[in-house]
C-alpha atoms as a PDB file:
ATOM      1  CA  MET A   1      -1.432  -2.163  42.037  1.00  0.00           C
ATOM      2  CA  LYS A   2      -2.357  -4.554  44.836  1.00  0.00           C
ATOM      3  CA  ASN A   3      -5.734  -4.712  46.506  1.00  0.00           C
ATOM      4  CA  HIS A   4      -6.514  -6.345  49.846  1.00  0.00           C
ATOM      5  CA  LYS A   5     -10.068  -7.386  50.566  1.00  0.00           C
ATOM      6  CA  LEU A   6     -12.134  -9.368  53.041  1.00  0.00           C
ATOM      7  CA  VAL A   7     -14.247 -12.098  51.499  1.00  0.00           C
ATOM      8  CA  LEU A   8     -16.935 -14.228  53.096  1.00  0.00           C
ATOM      9  CA  ALA A   9     -15.287 -17.618  53.618  1.00  0.00           C
ATOM     10  CA  LYS A  10     -18.122 -19.451  55.369  1.00  0.00           C
ATOM     11  CA  ARG A  11     -21.589 -18.972  56.840  1.00  0.00           C
ATOM     12  CA  PRO A  12     -22.174 -18.198  60.541  1.00  0.00           C
ATOM     13  CA  ASP A  13     -22.566 -21.307  62.699  1.00  0.00           C
ATOM     14  CA  PRO A  14     -24.754 -19.977  64.168  1.00  0.00           C
ATOM     15  CA  THR A  15     -23.362 -16.597  65.252  1.00  0.00           C
ATOM     16  CA  VAL A  16     -21.387 -14.090  63.222  1.00  0.00           C
ATOM     17  CA  SER A  17     -17.708 -14.258  64.191  1.00  0.00           C
ATOM     18  CA  ALA A  18     -14.498 -12.848  62.778  1.00  0.00           C
ATOM     19  CA  ASP A  19     -13.356 -16.222  61.430  1.00  0.00           C
ATOM     20  CA  ILE A  20     -16.083 -16.353  58.755  1.00  0.00           C
ATOM     21  CA  PHE A  21     -14.075 -13.759  56.793  1.00  0.00           C
ATOM     22  CA  GLN A  22     -10.771 -14.240  54.970  1.00  0.00           C
ATOM     23  CA  LEU A  23      -8.240 -11.558  54.026  1.00  0.00           C
ATOM     24  CA  VAL A  24      -7.043 -12.024  50.446  1.00  0.00           C
ATOM     25  CA  GLU A  25      -4.812 -10.120  48.041  1.00  0.00           C
ATOM     26  CA  ASP A  26      -5.161  -9.587  44.324  1.00  0.00           C
ATOM     27  CA  HIS A  27      -4.256  -7.019  41.679  1.00  0.00           C
ATOM     28  CA  VAL A  28      -6.427  -4.124  40.534  1.00  0.00           C
ATOM     29  CA  PRO A  29      -7.284  -4.662  36.861  1.00  0.00           C
ATOM     30  CA  SER A  30      -6.988  -1.897  34.284  1.00  0.00           C
ATOM     31  CA  LEU A  31      -9.971   0.420  34.000  1.00  0.00           C
ATOM     32  CA  ALA A  32     -12.361   0.090  31.082  1.00  0.00           C
ATOM     33  CA  GLU A  33     -14.101   3.079  29.548  1.00  0.00           C
ATOM     34  CA  GLY A  34     -16.852   4.281  31.873  1.00  0.00           C
ATOM     35  CA  GLN A  35     -15.102   3.067  35.024  1.00  0.00           C
ATOM     36  CA  PHE A  36     -13.178   4.754  37.833  1.00  0.00           C
ATOM     37  CA  LEU A  37     -11.065   3.578  40.759  1.00  0.00           C
ATOM     38  CA  VAL A  38     -11.869   4.449  44.368  1.00  0.00           C
ATOM     39  CA  ARG A  39      -9.364   4.230  47.197  1.00  0.00           C
ATOM     40  CA  ASN A  40     -11.523   3.534  50.239  1.00  0.00           C
ATOM     41  CA  GLN A  41     -10.719   5.616  53.310  1.00  0.00           C
ATOM     42  CA  TYR A  42     -13.431   4.486  55.736  1.00  0.00           C
ATOM     43  CA  LEU A  43     -15.528   1.319  55.768  1.00  0.00           C
ATOM     44  CA  SER A  44     -18.763   0.776  57.659  1.00  0.00           C
ATOM     45  CA  ALA A  45     -19.972  -2.047  59.890  1.00  0.00           C
ATOM     46  CA  ASP A  46     -23.757  -2.222  60.214  1.00  0.00           C
ATOM     47  CA  PRO A  47     -26.335  -4.419  62.003  1.00  0.00           C
ATOM     48  CA  ALA A  48     -27.770  -5.449  58.623  1.00  0.00           C
ATOM     49  CA  MET A  49     -24.593  -7.426  57.964  1.00  0.00           C
ATOM     50  CA  ARG A  50     -25.903 -10.174  60.232  1.00  0.00           C
ATOM     51  CA  GLY A  51     -28.609 -10.861  57.665  1.00  0.00           C
ATOM     52  CA  TRP A  52     -26.366 -10.318  54.645  1.00  0.00           C
ATOM     53  CA  VAL A  53     -24.049 -13.220  55.570  1.00  0.00           C
ATOM     54  CA  MET A  54     -26.868 -15.667  56.368  1.00  0.00           C
ATOM     55  CA  ASP A  55     -27.998 -18.145  53.723  1.00  0.00           C
ATOM     56  CA  MET A  56     -31.681 -17.394  54.191  1.00  0.00           C
ATOM     57  CA  PRO A  57     -34.388 -15.296  52.499  1.00  0.00           C
ATOM     58  CA  ASN A  58     -33.885 -11.575  52.992  1.00  0.00           C
ATOM     59  CA  TYR A  59     -34.722  -8.271  51.303  1.00  0.00           C
ATOM     60  CA  ILE A  60     -31.561  -8.629  49.185  1.00  0.00           C
ATOM     61  CA  PRO A  61     -29.595 -11.775  48.239  1.00  0.00           C
ATOM     62  CA  PRO A  62     -26.971 -12.895  50.767  1.00  0.00           C
ATOM     63  CA  VAL A  63     -23.303 -12.268  50.129  1.00  0.00           C
ATOM     64  CA  ALA A  64     -22.012 -15.240  48.142  1.00  0.00           C
ATOM     65  CA  LEU A  65     -19.170 -17.315  49.545  1.00  0.00           C
ATOM     66  CA  GLY A  66     -15.890 -16.012  48.164  1.00  0.00           C
ATOM     67  CA  ASP A  67     -17.294 -12.549  47.421  1.00  0.00           C
ATOM     68  CA  VAL A  68     -16.089  -9.299  48.975  1.00  0.00           C
ATOM     69  CA  MET A  69     -18.142  -8.501  52.073  1.00  0.00           C
ATOM     70  CA  ARG A  70     -20.901  -6.055  51.205  1.00  0.00           C
ATOM     71  CA  SER A  71     -20.386  -2.695  52.891  1.00  0.00           C
ATOM     72  CA  PHE A  72     -20.824   1.009  52.504  1.00  0.00           C
ATOM     73  CA  ALA A  73     -17.607   2.988  52.233  1.00  0.00           C
ATOM     74  CA  VAL A  74     -16.352   6.475  51.515  1.00  0.00           C
ATOM     75  CA  GLY A  75     -13.236   7.134  49.504  1.00  0.00           C
ATOM     76  CA  GLU A  76     -11.401   9.170  46.898  1.00  0.00           C
ATOM     77  CA  VAL A  77     -11.377   8.722  43.137  1.00  0.00           C
ATOM     78  CA  ILE A  78      -7.730   8.110  42.223  1.00  0.00           C
ATOM     79  CA  ASP A  79      -8.123   7.156  38.543  1.00  0.00           C
ATOM     80  CA  SER A  80     -10.974   7.640  36.134  1.00  0.00           C
ATOM     81  CA  LYS A  81     -12.207   6.834  32.646  1.00  0.00           C
ATOM     82  CA  HIS A  82     -15.707   8.009  33.529  1.00  0.00           C
ATOM     83  CA  PRO A  83     -16.840  11.504  32.462  1.00  0.00           C
ATOM     84  CA  GLY A  84     -18.928  11.949  35.594  1.00  0.00           C
ATOM     85  CA  TYR A  85     -16.226  11.225  38.170  1.00  0.00           C
ATOM     86  CA  ALA A  86     -12.977  13.157  38.349  1.00  0.00           C
ATOM     87  CA  VAL A  87      -9.755  12.269  40.124  1.00  0.00           C
ATOM     88  CA  GLY A  88      -9.755  13.845  43.581  1.00  0.00           C
ATOM     89  CA  GLU A  89     -13.520  13.709  44.134  1.00  0.00           C
ATOM     90  CA  SER A  90     -14.885  11.980  47.242  1.00  0.00           C
ATOM     91  CA  VAL A  91     -17.683   9.449  46.882  1.00  0.00           C
ATOM     92  CA  TYR A  92     -19.931   7.403  49.172  1.00  0.00           C
ATOM     93  CA  GLY A  93     -21.235   4.052  48.002  1.00  0.00           C
ATOM     94  CA  ARG A  94     -21.411   0.288  48.236  1.00  0.00           C
ATOM     95  CA  PHE A  95     -17.737  -0.458  47.657  1.00  0.00           C
ATOM     96  CA  GLY A  96     -17.289  -3.370  50.071  1.00  0.00           C
ATOM     97  CA  TRP A  97     -14.680  -4.340  52.634  1.00  0.00           C
ATOM     98  CA  GLN A  98     -11.634  -3.720  50.464  1.00  0.00           C
ATOM     99  CA  GLU A  99      -8.918  -1.143  49.923  1.00  0.00           C
ATOM    100  CA  MET A 100      -9.744  -0.404  46.276  1.00  0.00           C
ATOM    101  CA  ALA A 101     -12.961  -0.600  44.323  1.00  0.00           C
ATOM    102  CA  ILE A 102     -13.638  -0.280  40.610  1.00  0.00           C
ATOM    103  CA  SER A 103     -16.980   1.352  39.893  1.00  0.00           C
ATOM    104  CA  ASN A 104     -19.088   2.423  36.936  1.00  0.00           C
ATOM    105  CA  GLY A 105     -21.177   4.696  39.159  1.00  0.00           C
ATOM    106  CA  SER A 106     -24.061   2.284  39.742  1.00  0.00           C
ATOM    107  CA  ASP A 107     -22.916   1.577  43.310  1.00  0.00           C
ATOM    108  CA  VAL A 108     -22.334   5.242  44.195  1.00  0.00           C
ATOM    109  CA  GLU A 109     -24.927   6.806  46.478  1.00  0.00           C
ATOM    110  CA  ARG A 110     -23.627  10.369  46.180  1.00  0.00           C
ATOM    111  CA  LYS A 111     -20.575  12.553  45.883  1.00  0.00           C
ATOM    112  CA  VAL A 112     -19.599  14.097  49.206  1.00  0.00           C
ATOM    113  CA  ASP A 113     -18.138  17.473  50.059  1.00  0.00           C
ATOM    114  CA  PRO A 114     -15.263  17.165  52.563  1.00  0.00           C
ATOM    115  CA  ASP A 115     -15.967  20.755  53.626  1.00  0.00           C
ATOM    116  CA  ASP A 116     -19.424  19.827  54.955  1.00  0.00           C
ATOM    117  CA  ALA A 117     -18.206  17.352  57.560  1.00  0.00           C
ATOM    118  CA  PRO A 118     -15.408  14.829  58.190  1.00  0.00           C
ATOM    119  CA  LEU A 119     -15.439  12.064  55.570  1.00  0.00           C
ATOM    120  CA  SER A 120     -16.321   9.473  58.213  1.00  0.00           C
ATOM    121  CA  ALA A 121     -19.594  11.296  58.992  1.00  0.00           C
ATOM    122  CA  ASN A 122     -20.872  10.280  55.570  1.00  0.00           C
ATOM    123  CA  LEU A 123     -21.003   6.692  56.814  1.00  0.00           C
ATOM    124  CA  HIS A 124     -23.420   7.528  59.605  1.00  0.00           C
ATOM    125  CA  VAL A 125     -25.055  10.884  60.359  1.00  0.00           C
ATOM    126  CA  LEU A 126     -24.911  12.014  56.692  1.00  0.00           C
ATOM    127  CA  GLY A 127     -25.155   8.551  55.166  1.00  0.00           C
ATOM    128  CA  MET A 128     -27.326   5.454  55.355  1.00  0.00           C
ATOM    129  CA  THR A 129     -27.604   5.660  59.159  1.00  0.00           C
ATOM    130  CA  GLY A 130     -28.799   9.252  59.161  1.00  0.00           C
ATOM    131  CA  ALA A 131     -31.147   8.608  56.242  1.00  0.00           C
ATOM    132  CA  THR A 132     -32.629   5.635  58.106  1.00  0.00           C
ATOM    133  CA  ALA A 133     -33.364   7.850  61.080  1.00  0.00           C
ATOM    134  CA  TRP A 134     -34.649  10.712  58.926  1.00  0.00           C
ATOM    135  CA  PHE A 135     -37.064   8.858  56.664  1.00  0.00           C
ATOM    136  CA  GLY A 136     -38.110   6.256  59.243  1.00  0.00           C
ATOM    137  CA  LEU A 137     -39.012   8.937  61.764  1.00  0.00           C
ATOM    138  CA  THR A 138     -40.246  11.854  59.687  1.00  0.00           C
ATOM    139  CA  GLU A 139     -42.251   9.955  57.054  1.00  0.00           C
ATOM    140  CA  ILE A 140     -43.662   7.044  59.059  1.00  0.00           C
ATOM    141  CA  GLY A 141     -43.582   8.428  62.598  1.00  0.00           C
ATOM    142  CA  ASN A 142     -44.372  11.999  61.519  1.00  0.00           C
ATOM    143  CA  PRO A 143     -43.724  13.400  65.021  1.00  0.00           C
ATOM    144  CA  GLN A 144     -45.476  16.594  66.024  1.00  0.00           C
ATOM    145  CA  ALA A 145     -44.370  19.109  68.650  1.00  0.00           C
ATOM    146  CA  GLY A 146     -45.524  18.043  72.097  1.00  0.00           C
ATOM    147  CA  GLU A 147     -45.858  14.346  71.244  1.00  0.00           C
ATOM    148  CA  THR A 148     -44.016  11.539  73.042  1.00  0.00           C
ATOM    149  CA  VAL A 149     -41.495   9.584  70.979  1.00  0.00           C
ATOM    150  CA  VAL A 150     -39.985   6.339  72.289  1.00  0.00           C
ATOM    151  CA  VAL A 151     -36.821   4.910  70.729  1.00  0.00           C
ATOM    152  CA  SER A 152     -35.347   1.468  71.378  1.00  0.00           C
ATOM    153  CA  THR A 153     -31.577   0.963  71.028  1.00  0.00           C
ATOM    154  CA  ALA A 154     -31.595   4.650  71.850  1.00  0.00           C
ATOM    155  CA  ALA A 155     -27.811   5.050  72.081  1.00  0.00           C
ATOM    156  CA  GLY A 156     -27.162   3.246  68.810  1.00  0.00           C
ATOM    157  CA  ALA A 157     -26.065   4.890  65.587  1.00  0.00           C
ATOM    158  CA  VAL A 158     -29.638   5.133  64.255  1.00  0.00           C
ATOM    159  CA  GLY A 159     -31.487   5.489  67.549  1.00  0.00           C
ATOM    160  CA  SER A 160     -29.366   8.379  68.792  1.00  0.00           C
ATOM    161  CA  ILE A 161     -30.085  10.362  65.623  1.00  0.00           C
ATOM    162  CA  VAL A 162     -33.799   9.541  65.801  1.00  0.00           C
ATOM    163  CA  GLY A 163     -33.959  10.905  69.338  1.00  0.00           C
ATOM    164  CA  GLN A 164     -32.189  14.117  68.368  1.00  0.00           C
ATOM    165  CA  ILE A 165     -34.369  14.742  65.312  1.00  0.00           C
ATOM    166  CA  ALA A 166     -37.488  14.214  67.438  1.00  0.00           C
ATOM    167  CA  LYS A 167     -36.118  16.566  70.099  1.00  0.00           C
ATOM    168  CA  ALA A 168     -35.398  19.224  67.473  1.00  0.00           C
ATOM    169  CA  ARG A 169     -39.060  18.958  66.437  1.00  0.00           C
ATOM    170  CA  GLY A 170     -40.263  19.739  69.949  1.00  0.00           C
ATOM    171  CA  CYS A 171     -41.114  16.210  71.107  1.00  0.00           C
ATOM    172  CA  ARG A 172     -40.667  14.529  74.480  1.00  0.00           C
ATOM    173  CA  THR A 173     -38.130  11.762  73.869  1.00  0.00           C
ATOM    174  CA  ILE A 174     -37.808   8.498  75.796  1.00  0.00           C
ATOM    175  CA  GLY A 175     -34.888   6.173  75.154  1.00  0.00           C
ATOM    176  CA  ILE A 176     -34.584   2.456  75.907  1.00  0.00           C
ATOM    177  CA  THR A 177     -31.070   1.019  76.116  1.00  0.00           C
ATOM    178  CA  GLY A 178     -29.116  -1.811  77.725  1.00  0.00           C
ATOM    179  CA  SER A 179     -26.453  -0.320  79.982  1.00  0.00           C
ATOM    180  CA  ASP A 180     -26.028   2.479  82.504  1.00  0.00           C
ATOM    181  CA  GLU A 181     -23.194   3.909  80.422  1.00  0.00           C
ATOM    182  CA  LYS A 182     -25.377   4.101  77.326  1.00  0.00           C
ATOM    183  CA  ALA A 183     -28.228   5.530  79.393  1.00  0.00           C
ATOM    184  CA  ALA A 184     -25.940   8.315  80.584  1.00  0.00           C
ATOM    185  CA  ARG A 185     -24.927   9.092  77.016  1.00  0.00           C
ATOM    186  CA  CYS A 186     -28.583   9.251  75.983  1.00  0.00           C
ATOM    187  CA  LEU A 187     -29.237  11.893  78.619  1.00  0.00           C
ATOM    188  CA  GLU A 188     -26.013  13.873  78.443  1.00  0.00           C
ATOM    189  CA  GLU A 189     -25.112  13.694  74.734  1.00  0.00           C
ATOM    190  CA  PHE A 190     -28.311  12.958  72.856  1.00  0.00           C
ATOM    191  CA  GLY A 191     -30.721  15.006  74.958  1.00  0.00           C
ATOM    192  CA  TYR A 192     -33.361  12.405  75.794  1.00  0.00           C
ATOM    193  CA  ASP A 193     -35.876  13.511  78.416  1.00  0.00           C
ATOM    194  CA  ALA A 194     -35.847  10.105  80.094  1.00  0.00           C
ATOM    195  CA  VAL A 195     -34.016   6.808  79.605  1.00  0.00           C
ATOM    196  CA  ILE A 196     -34.771   3.257  80.709  1.00  0.00           C
ATOM    197  CA  ASN A 197     -32.150   0.526  81.093  1.00  0.00           C
ATOM    198  CA  TYR A 198     -34.243  -2.512  80.247  1.00  0.00           C
ATOM    199  CA  LYS A 199     -31.587  -4.887  81.599  1.00  0.00           C
ATOM    200  CA  THR A 200     -31.555  -3.484  85.126  1.00  0.00           C
ATOM    201  CA  CYS A 201     -35.062  -2.109  85.690  1.00  0.00           C
ATOM    202  CA  GLU A 202     -37.356  -4.288  87.780  1.00  0.00           C
ATOM    203  CA  ASP A 203     -40.306  -3.974  85.412  1.00  0.00           C
ATOM    204  CA  LEU A 204     -40.204  -2.316  81.982  1.00  0.00           C
ATOM    205  CA  SER A 205     -43.932  -1.551  81.931  1.00  0.00           C
ATOM    206  CA  THR A 206     -43.713   0.254  85.265  1.00  0.00           C
ATOM    207  CA  GLU A 207     -40.774   2.326  84.034  1.00  0.00           C
ATOM    208  CA  LEU A 208     -42.588   3.161  80.799  1.00  0.00           C
ATOM    209  CA  ALA A 209     -45.669   4.279  82.709  1.00  0.00           C
ATOM    210  CA  ALA A 210     -43.548   6.705  84.725  1.00  0.00           C
ATOM    211  CA  ALA A 211     -41.610   7.992  81.702  1.00  0.00           C
ATOM    212  CA  CYS A 212     -44.654   8.306  79.425  1.00  0.00           C
ATOM    213  CA  PRO A 213     -47.476   9.689  81.616  1.00  0.00           C
ATOM    214  CA  ASP A 214     -49.303  10.911  78.512  1.00  0.00           C
ATOM    215  CA  GLY A 215     -48.826   7.683  76.557  1.00  0.00           C
ATOM    216  CA  VAL A 216     -46.772   7.023  73.413  1.00  0.00           C
ATOM    217  CA  ASP A 217     -47.472   8.722  70.097  1.00  0.00           C
ATOM    218  CA  VAL A 218     -44.497   7.528  68.057  1.00  0.00           C
ATOM    219  CA  TYR A 219     -42.358   4.433  68.561  1.00  0.00           C
ATOM    220  CA  PHE A 220     -39.161   3.908  66.558  1.00  0.00           C
ATOM    221  CA  ASP A 221     -38.551   0.190  66.962  1.00  0.00           C
ATOM    222  CA  ASN A 222     -34.975  -1.024  66.483  1.00  0.00           C
ATOM    223  CA  VAL A 223     -35.346  -4.361  68.278  1.00  0.00           C
ATOM    224  CA  SER A 224     -38.921  -5.728  68.345  1.00  0.00           C
ATOM    225  CA  GLY A 225     -39.605  -8.648  70.710  1.00  0.00           C
ATOM    226  CA  PRO A 226     -40.556  -8.202  74.390  1.00  0.00           C
ATOM    227  CA  ILE A 227     -39.410  -4.570  74.530  1.00  0.00           C
ATOM    228  CA  SER A 228     -41.793  -3.590  71.771  1.00  0.00           C
ATOM    229  CA  ASP A 229     -44.595  -5.621  73.326  1.00  0.00           C
ATOM    230  CA  ALA A 230     -44.272  -3.467  76.423  1.00  0.00           C
ATOM    231  CA  VAL A 231     -44.120  -0.150  74.549  1.00  0.00           C
ATOM    232  CA  MET A 232     -47.184  -0.917  72.436  1.00  0.00           C
ATOM    233  CA  SER A 233     -49.349  -1.277  75.527  1.00  0.00           C
ATOM    234  CA  PHE A 234     -48.916   2.490  76.047  1.00  0.00           C
ATOM    235  CA  PHE A 235     -49.920   3.544  72.533  1.00  0.00           C
ATOM    236  CA  ASN A 236     -52.245   6.509  72.230  1.00  0.00           C
ATOM    237  CA  VAL A 237     -55.012   6.624  69.657  1.00  0.00           C
ATOM    238  CA  GLY A 238     -53.389   7.231  66.287  1.00  0.00           C
ATOM    239  CA  ALA A 239     -49.914   6.096  67.368  1.00  0.00           C
ATOM    240  CA  ARG A 240     -47.333   5.418  64.654  1.00  0.00           C
ATOM    241  CA  MET A 241     -44.690   2.687  64.867  1.00  0.00           C
ATOM    242  CA  THR A 242     -41.651   2.320  62.606  1.00  0.00           C
ATOM    243  CA  VAL A 243     -40.265  -1.227  62.566  1.00  0.00           C
ATOM    244  CA  CYS A 244     -36.595  -0.775  61.688  1.00  0.00           C
ATOM    245  CA  GLY A 245     -34.967  -3.786  63.398  1.00  0.00           C
ATOM    246  CA  VAL A 246     -35.931  -7.167  64.832  1.00  0.00           C
ATOM    247  CA  ILE A 247     -32.777  -8.256  66.650  1.00  0.00           C
ATOM    248  CA  GLY A 248     -34.779  -8.734  69.871  1.00  0.00           C
ATOM    249  CA  ILE A 249     -36.938 -11.501  68.425  1.00  0.00           C
ATOM    250  CA  SER A 250     -35.686 -14.860  69.631  1.00  0.00           C
ATOM    251  CA  PRO A 251     -37.144 -18.246  68.649  1.00  0.00           C
ATOM    252  CA  ALA A 252     -39.119 -18.185  71.907  1.00  0.00           C
ATOM    253  CA  HIS A 253     -40.947 -15.034  70.827  1.00  0.00           C
ATOM    254  CA  LEU A 254     -41.703 -15.774  67.188  1.00  0.00           C
ATOM    255  CA  ASN A 255     -45.401 -16.422  67.804  1.00  0.00           C
ATOM    256  CA  GLY A 256     -46.601 -13.601  69.945  1.00  0.00           C
ATOM    257  CA  PRO A 257     -48.123 -11.718  71.475  1.00  0.00           C
ATOM    258  CA  ARG A 258     -50.718 -10.832  68.847  1.00  0.00           C
ATOM    259  CA  VAL A 259     -50.675  -7.107  68.074  1.00  0.00           C
ATOM    260  CA  ALA A 260     -53.920  -6.858  66.112  1.00  0.00           C
ATOM    261  CA  ARG A 261     -56.044  -5.800  69.091  1.00  0.00           C
ATOM    262  CA  THR A 262     -53.679  -2.961  70.037  1.00  0.00           C
ATOM    263  CA  LEU A 263     -53.577  -1.680  66.468  1.00  0.00           C
ATOM    264  CA  LEU A 264     -57.370  -1.926  66.208  1.00  0.00           C
ATOM    265  CA  VAL A 265     -58.330  -0.328  69.505  1.00  0.00           C
ATOM    266  CA  LYS A 266     -55.775   2.485  69.232  1.00  0.00           C
ATOM    267  CA  ARG A 267     -56.234   2.920  65.477  1.00  0.00           C
ATOM    268  CA  ALA A 268     -52.460   2.750  65.324  1.00  0.00           C
ATOM    269  CA  ARG A 269     -50.194   2.246  62.351  1.00  0.00           C
ATOM    270  CA  MET A 270     -47.276  -0.200  62.334  1.00  0.00           C
ATOM    271  CA  GLN A 271     -45.042  -0.105  59.268  1.00  0.00           C
ATOM    272  CA  GLY A 272     -41.859  -1.914  58.341  1.00  0.00           C
ATOM    273  CA  PHE A 273     -38.995   0.221  57.074  1.00  0.00           C
ATOM    274  CA  LEU A 274     -35.992  -0.599  54.865  1.00  0.00           C
ATOM    275  CA  ILE A 275     -33.596   2.186  53.983  1.00  0.00           C
ATOM    276  CA  PHE A 276     -32.860   0.573  50.610  1.00  0.00           C
ATOM    277  CA  ASP A 277     -36.319   1.693  49.472  1.00  0.00           C
ATOM    278  CA  HIS A 278     -35.209   5.284  50.035  1.00  0.00           C
ATOM    279  CA  MET A 279     -31.510   5.429  49.116  1.00  0.00           C
ATOM    280  CA  HIS A 280     -32.339   7.110  45.793  1.00  0.00           C
ATOM    281  CA  ARG A 281     -33.560  10.022  47.950  1.00  0.00           C
ATOM    282  CA  LEU A 282     -30.419  10.223  50.076  1.00  0.00           C
ATOM    283  CA  SER A 283     -29.796  13.829  49.078  1.00  0.00           C
ATOM    284  CA  GLU A 284     -33.189  14.769  50.561  1.00  0.00           C
ATOM    285  CA  ALA A 285     -32.194  13.306  53.916  1.00  0.00           C
ATOM    286  CA  VAL A 286     -28.836  15.082  53.815  1.00  0.00           C
ATOM    287  CA  GLU A 287     -30.615  18.381  53.093  1.00  0.00           C
ATOM    288  CA  GLY A 288     -32.624  17.872  56.281  1.00  0.00           C
ATOM    289  CA  LEU A 289     -29.775  16.552  58.422  1.00  0.00           C
ATOM    290  CA  LEU A 290     -26.947  18.876  57.403  1.00  0.00           C
ATOM    291  CA  PRO A 291     -28.454  22.057  58.932  1.00  0.00           C
ATOM    292  CA  LEU A 292     -29.015  20.182  62.226  1.00  0.00           C
ATOM    293  CA  TYR A 293     -25.453  18.878  62.126  1.00  0.00           C
ATOM    294  CA  LYS A 294     -23.969  22.311  61.413  1.00  0.00           C
ATOM    295  CA  ALA A 295     -26.091  23.822  64.203  1.00  0.00           C
ATOM    296  CA  GLY A 296     -24.657  21.307  66.677  1.00  0.00           C
ATOM    297  CA  LYS A 297     -27.990  19.540  67.154  1.00  0.00           C
ATOM    298  CA  LEU A 298     -26.770  16.117  65.988  1.00  0.00           C
ATOM    299  CA  LYS A 299     -24.212  14.670  68.387  1.00  0.00           C
ATOM    300  CA  PHE A 300     -22.548  11.377  67.531  1.00  0.00           C
ATOM    301  CA  SER A 301     -19.578   9.245  68.449  1.00  0.00           C
ATOM    302  CA  GLU A 302     -17.418   6.856  66.482  1.00  0.00           C
ATOM    303  CA  GLU A 303     -15.689   3.615  67.385  1.00  0.00           C
ATOM    304  CA  VAL A 304     -12.870   3.461  64.852  1.00  0.00           C
ATOM    305  CA  TYR A 305     -10.843   0.338  64.087  1.00  0.00           C
ATOM    306  CA  ASN A 306      -7.583   0.791  62.203  1.00  0.00           C
ATOM    307  CA  GLY A 307      -6.771  -1.494  59.295  1.00  0.00           C
ATOM    308  CA  LEU A 308      -8.864  -3.673  57.026  1.00  0.00           C
ATOM    309  CA  GLU A 309      -8.135  -6.803  59.064  1.00  0.00           C
ATOM    310  CA  GLN A 310      -9.917  -5.236  62.057  1.00  0.00           C
ATOM    311  CA  ALA A 311     -13.285  -4.927  60.273  1.00  0.00           C
ATOM    312  CA  PRO A 312     -14.588  -8.325  61.508  1.00  0.00           C
ATOM    313  CA  VAL A 313     -13.577  -7.424  65.071  1.00  0.00           C
ATOM    314  CA  GLY A 314     -15.569  -4.218  64.809  1.00  0.00           C
ATOM    315  CA  LEU A 315     -18.566  -6.121  63.479  1.00  0.00           C
ATOM    316  CA  GLU A 316     -18.390  -8.563  66.389  1.00  0.00           C
ATOM    317  CA  SER A 317     -18.417  -5.646  68.826  1.00  0.00           C
ATOM    318  CA  LEU A 318     -21.394  -4.085  67.076  1.00  0.00           C
ATOM    319  CA  LEU A 319     -23.470  -7.269  67.043  1.00  0.00           C
ATOM    320  CA  ALA A 320     -22.610  -7.991  70.682  1.00  0.00           C
ATOM    321  CA  GLY A 321     -23.732  -4.499  71.671  1.00  0.00           C
ATOM    322  CA  THR A 322     -20.401  -3.616  73.290  1.00  0.00           C
ATOM    323  CA  ASN A 323     -19.574  -0.817  70.866  1.00  0.00           C
ATOM    324  CA  GLN A 324     -19.653   2.837  71.832  1.00  0.00           C
ATOM    325  CA  GLY A 325     -20.762   4.732  68.756  1.00  0.00           C
ATOM    326  CA  LYS A 326     -20.830   4.099  65.055  1.00  0.00           C
ATOM    327  CA  VAL A 327     -18.391   1.285  64.126  1.00  0.00           C
ATOM    328  CA  LEU A 328     -16.000   2.354  61.380  1.00  0.00           C
ATOM    329  CA  VAL A 329     -12.803   0.984  59.874  1.00  0.00           C
ATOM    330  CA  LYS A 330     -10.115   3.443  58.859  1.00  0.00           C
ATOM    331  CA  LEU A 331      -7.808   2.361  56.042  1.00  0.00           C
END
């Protein structure tokens, strides 16, 4: 049986582009005892991939040159010599950008029930993306009814779920995004109370003052940089800030401003968050998210690319911010 896969052929120079990946073909080896074969049906493209392909220190080692691109995927078990995985079961895990994956179960995050939701939903609202929003907001932000929650990259796969969870908990939600189209989606689909387009507003601080008359209690930070500098100036006493992404930090902003005074005066808490610290608790997040999803309180959209060879194109769109919804690849 043949297997097609995308391997990392070279490092970004300096930006991530489709040509750093190479499509290769090989044969699927025979299964050993304790292994099973997954036919991937959907692959994920995620912002973290920018860091995974860089040859620099990170929270996990970079993808090695010549290796299959690291990725979450959902697929069906089509052959098995493992007592815990039966042919026909659907699984979600770290199977990479390839058509087939041999597993011993160590890279499986959970079995999925196709009756709960479409398989693709397990790569976002019921997968790593949803868990990121759930744990990052509920455990670090701990939003209470009546509080003001601000979310950057508010129309993104994570940010949109954060806003909806906060809204379901009775919070006032403020989204920050980078286009009028995404701002409209935040209001109409994701239920934000107010949205700011940071690219077109004359002054972000002025817009924040109008949108957050009672200050900011919780900030879910997906970008850092100048946007977060502005939000922090509106922190209330006891504010909580989840640092989930730093894509907005350019070399010009590496050294400031200093945040210690804000954290001191407002007795605020600022905590970094990595979903990989929580993936062993994925079922807990799904237990919290699934009732919201089934009740229609978690809206989402997907940008689906067809065919393995389109995965790098989807990643380019995601990193450029031109995507509309969670970027997926359908095989």
